[in-house]
Protein backbone atom coordinates (compact mmCIF):
# COMPACT_ATOMS: atom_id res chain seq x y z
CA MET A 1 0.00 0.00 0.00
CA THR A 2 1.28 3.40 -0.85
CA THR A 3 2.01 5.91 1.87
CA ALA A 4 0.25 8.63 -0.09
CA HIS A 5 -2.96 8.75 -2.05
CA HIS A 6 -4.60 10.99 -4.55
CA ALA A 7 -8.11 12.00 -5.46
CA PRO A 8 -9.36 9.80 -8.29
CA GLY A 9 -8.93 11.11 -11.80
CA GLY A 10 -6.43 13.22 -13.63
CA SER A 11 -3.69 10.77 -14.51
CA ARG A 12 -5.50 7.68 -15.77
CA PRO A 13 -6.06 7.32 -19.51
CA GLY A 14 -9.38 6.30 -20.97
CA GLY A 15 -12.34 7.33 -23.07
CA ARG A 16 -15.38 9.36 -22.22
CA THR A 17 -16.75 6.77 -19.79
CA ALA A 18 -13.46 6.68 -17.91
CA ARG A 19 -13.32 10.46 -17.71
CA THR A 20 -16.89 10.59 -16.41
CA ARG A 21 -16.06 8.06 -13.72
CA GLU A 22 -12.92 9.93 -12.69
CA ALA A 23 -14.76 13.25 -12.48
CA VAL A 24 -17.53 11.75 -10.39
CA LEU A 25 -15.27 9.90 -7.97
CA SER A 26 -13.06 12.95 -7.56
CA ALA A 27 -16.17 14.95 -6.69
CA VAL A 28 -17.27 12.33 -4.15
CA PHE A 29 -13.83 12.41 -2.53
CA LYS A 30 -13.93 16.20 -2.21
CA GLU A 31 -17.49 16.26 -0.92
CA LEU A 32 -16.66 13.67 1.74
CA GLY A 33 -13.78 15.87 2.85
CA ARG A 34 -16.04 18.89 2.98
CA GLY A 35 -19.09 17.59 4.82
CA GLY A 36 -18.71 13.86 5.43
CA PHE A 37 -21.08 11.10 4.41
CA ALA A 38 -24.12 12.60 6.13
CA ALA A 39 -23.98 15.66 3.87
CA LEU A 40 -23.23 13.75 0.66
CA THR A 41 -25.97 13.89 -2.00
CA MET A 42 -26.18 12.94 -5.64
CA GLU A 43 -27.04 16.53 -6.47
CA LYS A 44 -23.87 17.88 -4.82
CA VAL A 45 -21.74 15.34 -6.65
CA ALA A 46 -23.40 16.24 -9.95
CA GLN A 47 -22.79 19.93 -9.38
CA ARG A 48 -19.15 19.50 -8.44
CA SER A 49 -18.34 16.98 -11.17
CA GLY A 50 -20.29 18.61 -13.98
CA ILE A 51 -21.99 15.28 -14.72
CA HIS A 52 -25.78 15.23 -15.03
CA VAL A 53 -27.50 13.83 -11.95
CA ALA A 54 -29.50 11.42 -14.10
CA THR A 55 -26.23 9.82 -15.20
CA LEU A 56 -25.23 9.34 -11.57
CA TYR A 57 -28.49 7.65 -10.70
CA ARG A 58 -28.37 5.46 -13.78
CA ARG A 59 -24.83 4.22 -13.15
CA TRP A 60 -24.45 4.28 -9.36
CA ARG A 61 -28.08 4.33 -8.20
CA CYS A 62 -27.35 5.98 -4.84
CA VAL A 63 -24.63 7.67 -2.75
CA GLU A 64 -23.83 4.29 -1.21
CA GLY A 65 -22.85 3.02 -4.64
CA LEU A 66 -20.63 6.05 -5.14
CA VAL A 67 -18.69 5.68 -1.90
CA CYS A 68 -18.21 1.94 -2.39
CA GLU A 69 -16.71 2.49 -5.84
CA LEU A 70 -14.53 5.27 -4.49
CA LEU A 71 -13.08 2.96 -1.84
CA THR A 72 -12.37 0.34 -4.48
CA ASP A 73 -10.78 2.94 -6.75
CA LEU A 74 -8.46 4.38 -4.11
CA SER A 75 -7.35 0.94 -2.99
CA SER A 76 -6.67 -0.31 -6.51
CA ASP A 77 -3.36 1.58 -6.59
CA VAL A 78 -2.05 -0.20 -3.52
CA PRO A 79 0.91 -2.54 -4.25
CA LEU A 80 1.82 -5.40 -1.95
CA PRO A 81 5.25 -5.16 -0.30
CA ASP A 82 7.85 -7.78 -1.09
CA THR A 83 10.78 -7.19 1.24
CA GLY A 84 12.03 -10.77 1.16
CA THR A 85 10.72 -11.67 4.63
CA LEU A 86 7.22 -11.89 6.06
CA SER A 87 8.21 -9.78 9.04
CA GLY A 88 9.30 -7.02 6.69
CA ASP A 89 6.19 -7.40 4.53
CA LEU A 90 3.81 -7.24 7.49
CA ARG A 91 5.55 -4.20 8.89
CA ALA A 92 5.53 -2.40 5.53
CA LEU A 93 1.88 -3.18 4.89
CA ALA A 94 0.82 -2.15 8.40
CA ARG A 95 2.65 1.15 8.00
CA SER A 96 0.91 1.75 4.70
CA VAL A 97 -2.52 0.99 6.15
CA SER A 98 -1.79 3.44 8.94
CA ALA A 99 -0.69 6.10 6.47
CA PHE A 100 -3.73 5.49 4.27
CA TYR A 101 -6.17 5.95 7.15
CA GLY A 102 -4.13 8.76 8.64
CA ASP A 103 -6.14 11.09 6.41
CA ALA A 104 -9.48 11.94 8.01
CA ARG A 105 -11.16 11.64 4.61
CA MET A 106 -10.04 8.02 4.36
CA ARG A 107 -11.52 7.28 7.77
CA ARG A 108 -14.76 8.96 6.77
CA LEU A 109 -14.79 6.89 3.60
CA ILE A 110 -14.54 3.52 5.35
CA GLU A 111 -17.10 4.68 7.90
CA ALA A 112 -19.42 5.65 5.06
CA VAL A 113 -19.03 2.32 3.29
CA VAL A 114 -19.68 0.31 6.47
CA SER A 115 -22.70 2.48 7.25
CA ALA A 116 -23.99 2.02 3.71
CA ALA A 117 -23.54 -1.76 3.92
CA ALA A 118 -25.76 -1.88 6.99
CA ARG A 119 -28.66 -0.38 5.01
CA ASP A 120 -28.14 -1.33 1.40
CA PRO A 121 -27.74 -4.95 0.17
CA GLN A 122 -25.76 -3.83 -2.87
CA ALA A 123 -23.34 -1.89 -0.70
CA ALA A 124 -23.02 -4.91 1.60
CA THR A 125 -22.13 -7.10 -1.37
CA VAL A 126 -19.55 -4.59 -2.57
CA LEU A 127 -18.00 -4.36 0.89
CA ARG A 128 -17.72 -8.15 1.25
CA SER A 129 -16.23 -8.41 -2.22
CA PHE A 130 -13.80 -5.57 -1.53
CA PHE A 131 -12.37 -7.11 1.63
CA GLY A 132 -12.51 -10.63 0.25
CA GLU A 133 -10.44 -9.72 -2.81
CA ARG A 134 -7.89 -7.84 -0.75
CA LEU A 135 -7.50 -10.67 1.73
CA VAL A 136 -6.74 -13.01 -1.13
CA MET A 137 -4.29 -10.57 -2.71
CA ALA A 138 -2.46 -9.82 0.54
CA GLY A 139 -2.44 -13.52 1.34
CA ARG A 140 0.19 -13.97 -1.34
CA MET A 141 2.70 -12.52 1.12
CA VAL A 142 1.88 -15.36 3.50
CA GLN A 143 2.07 -17.97 0.76
CA ARG A 144 5.56 -16.75 -0.11
CA ALA A 145 6.53 -17.00 3.55
CA VAL A 146 5.30 -20.59 3.73
CA GLU A 147 7.30 -21.44 0.62
CA ARG A 148 10.41 -19.89 2.21
CA GLY A 149 9.88 -22.01 5.33
CA GLU A 150 9.13 -19.04 7.59
CA LEU A 151 5.69 -20.35 8.63
CA PRO A 152 4.02 -23.71 9.26
CA ALA A 153 2.79 -25.31 6.04
CA ASP A 154 -0.85 -25.26 7.16
CA THR A 155 -0.97 -21.49 7.79
CA ASP A 156 -4.16 -19.89 6.47
CA PRO A 157 -3.15 -16.71 4.57
CA GLU A 158 -6.55 -15.05 4.93
CA GLN A 159 -6.55 -15.54 8.70
CA VAL A 160 -3.15 -13.89 8.93
CA MET A 161 -4.20 -10.88 6.88
CA SER A 162 -7.52 -10.56 8.72
CA ALA A 163 -5.59 -10.41 11.98
CA LEU A 164 -3.37 -7.68 10.56
CA GLY A 165 -6.30 -5.51 9.49
CA ALA A 166 -8.58 -6.02 12.50
CA PRO A 167 -6.89 -3.61 14.95
CA PHE A 168 -7.06 -0.77 12.43
CA TYR A 169 -10.77 -1.17 11.80
CA TYR A 170 -11.45 -1.56 15.51
CA ARG A 171 -9.60 1.70 16.15
CA ILE A 172 -11.47 3.53 13.36
CA LEU A 173 -14.98 2.10 13.63
CA ILE A 174 -15.36 1.12 17.30
CA ALA A 175 -12.89 3.14 19.37
CA ARG A 176 -13.33 6.11 17.00
CA ARG A 177 -9.72 7.16 17.33
CA PRO A 178 -7.06 7.95 14.73
CA VAL A 179 -4.61 5.25 13.72
CA ASP A 180 -0.88 5.81 14.06
CA GLN A 181 2.45 4.16 13.44
CA ASP A 182 2.61 2.77 16.97
CA LEU A 183 -0.50 0.74 16.17
CA ALA A 184 1.07 -0.40 12.91
CA GLU A 185 4.24 -1.51 14.69
CA SER A 186 2.56 -3.42 17.50
CA THR A 187 0.07 -5.07 15.16
CA ALA A 188 2.73 -6.28 12.73
CA ILE A 189 4.87 -7.71 15.54
CA ALA A 190 1.92 -9.48 17.17
CA VAL A 191 0.67 -11.04 13.92
CA TRP A 192 4.17 -12.15 12.97
CA ALA A 193 4.71 -13.87 16.32
CA ALA A 194 1.29 -15.54 16.23
CA ALA A 195 1.78 -16.77 12.67
CA ARG A 196 5.16 -18.28 13.50
CA ALA A 197 3.60 -20.03 16.48
CA GLY A 198 0.96 -21.68 14.27
CA ALA A 199 -1.98 -19.62 15.54
CA TYR A 200 -3.48 -19.31 12.06
CA ALA A 201 -3.53 -22.96 11.05
CA SER A 202 -6.13 -23.95 8.49
CA LYS A 203 -9.28 -25.52 9.90
CA GLY A 204 -9.39 -29.28 9.69
CA ASN A 205 -5.72 -29.82 10.44
CA THR A 206 -4.87 -31.53 13.71
CA SER A 207 -3.08 -29.74 16.48
CA SER A 208 -0.31 -32.30 16.23
CA ASN A 209 0.36 -31.24 12.65
CA THR A 210 0.51 -27.63 13.71
CA SER A 211 2.83 -28.48 16.59
CA SER A 212 5.02 -30.49 14.26
CA ASN A 213 5.27 -27.72 11.71
CA THR A 214 5.92 -25.13 14.37
CA SER A 215 8.50 -27.34 16.07
CA SER A 216 10.37 -27.77 12.80
CA ASN A 217 10.88 -24.00 12.76
CA SER A 218 11.57 -23.72 16.48
CA GLY A 219 15.11 -22.56 15.93
CA ASN A 220 13.94 -19.83 13.62
CA ASN A 221 11.13 -18.86 15.99
CA LYS A 222 13.71 -17.52 18.39
CA THR A 223 14.93 -15.07 15.77
CA ASN A 224 14.30 -11.47 16.74
CA TRP A 225 11.63 -9.64 14.73
CA ARG A 226 14.17 -7.13 13.50
CA SER A 227 16.98 -9.49 12.66
CA ASP A 228 15.20 -11.21 9.75
CA SER A 229 13.51 -8.07 8.44
CA LYS A 230 15.11 -5.75 5.93
CA SER A 231 13.84 -2.81 7.96
CA PRO A 232 16.37 -0.85 10.03
CA ALA A 233 17.05 -2.43 13.41
CA THR A 234 15.32 -0.62 16.24
CA SER A 235 13.89 -1.46 19.60
CA PRO A 236 10.84 -3.74 19.13
CA THR A 237 8.83 -1.61 21.52
CA LYS A 238 9.46 1.74 19.88
CA THR A 239 8.50 3.14 16.49
CA GLU A 240 11.07 5.19 14.63
CA GLY A 241 10.82 8.91 15.15
CA ALA A 242 10.66 9.42 11.39
CA ASP A 243 7.09 8.12 11.46
């Protein structure tokens, strides 16, 4: 995930349909920043984007459809880290998630999508699909780690990535507090340790298999979080001041 984001539109090539979509999503992004989801209307988006309101209703149906597509659009530019170690990948991804939601507009966006999903079946479907696809994509980091022998063979990639994301969404949606790099650091370390210990074994595998796989890596399990990451060595309980 990138550590910076941009309003949709401007740099992406495409025909008239693409330009319409970019103008609309850019307008949604700006309107969310101005008044939040509660103040968002199709009419305001039409006025800001210069696209007729009938076109908005025909293509997106409602403001819930707009915010769901905006979330998908902003996240589509997010690359997965590949540092060479899972510890480094988890840390890089957690930092990027923190940076992404460090913008109040990003927090308002995920709040809007979750709120929309509670009321609108289409929005709920989009939200499930959004997170489902990203769990699968991010799970490739875990699959690489299994292939390198860093994790037990029966590790469930989606469970690992769900555990990485959960603290961020708890902080945003339940605790209603900003995310920060301290949260990113502690979350990445905790998920890494749990994954190495076999906490995310696939369902249906016996505990003995998990114990066996974990035991086979017992020597590596003692390796310090920092020592097998390509990130600069620092105290495991303190985030770098540069954050």
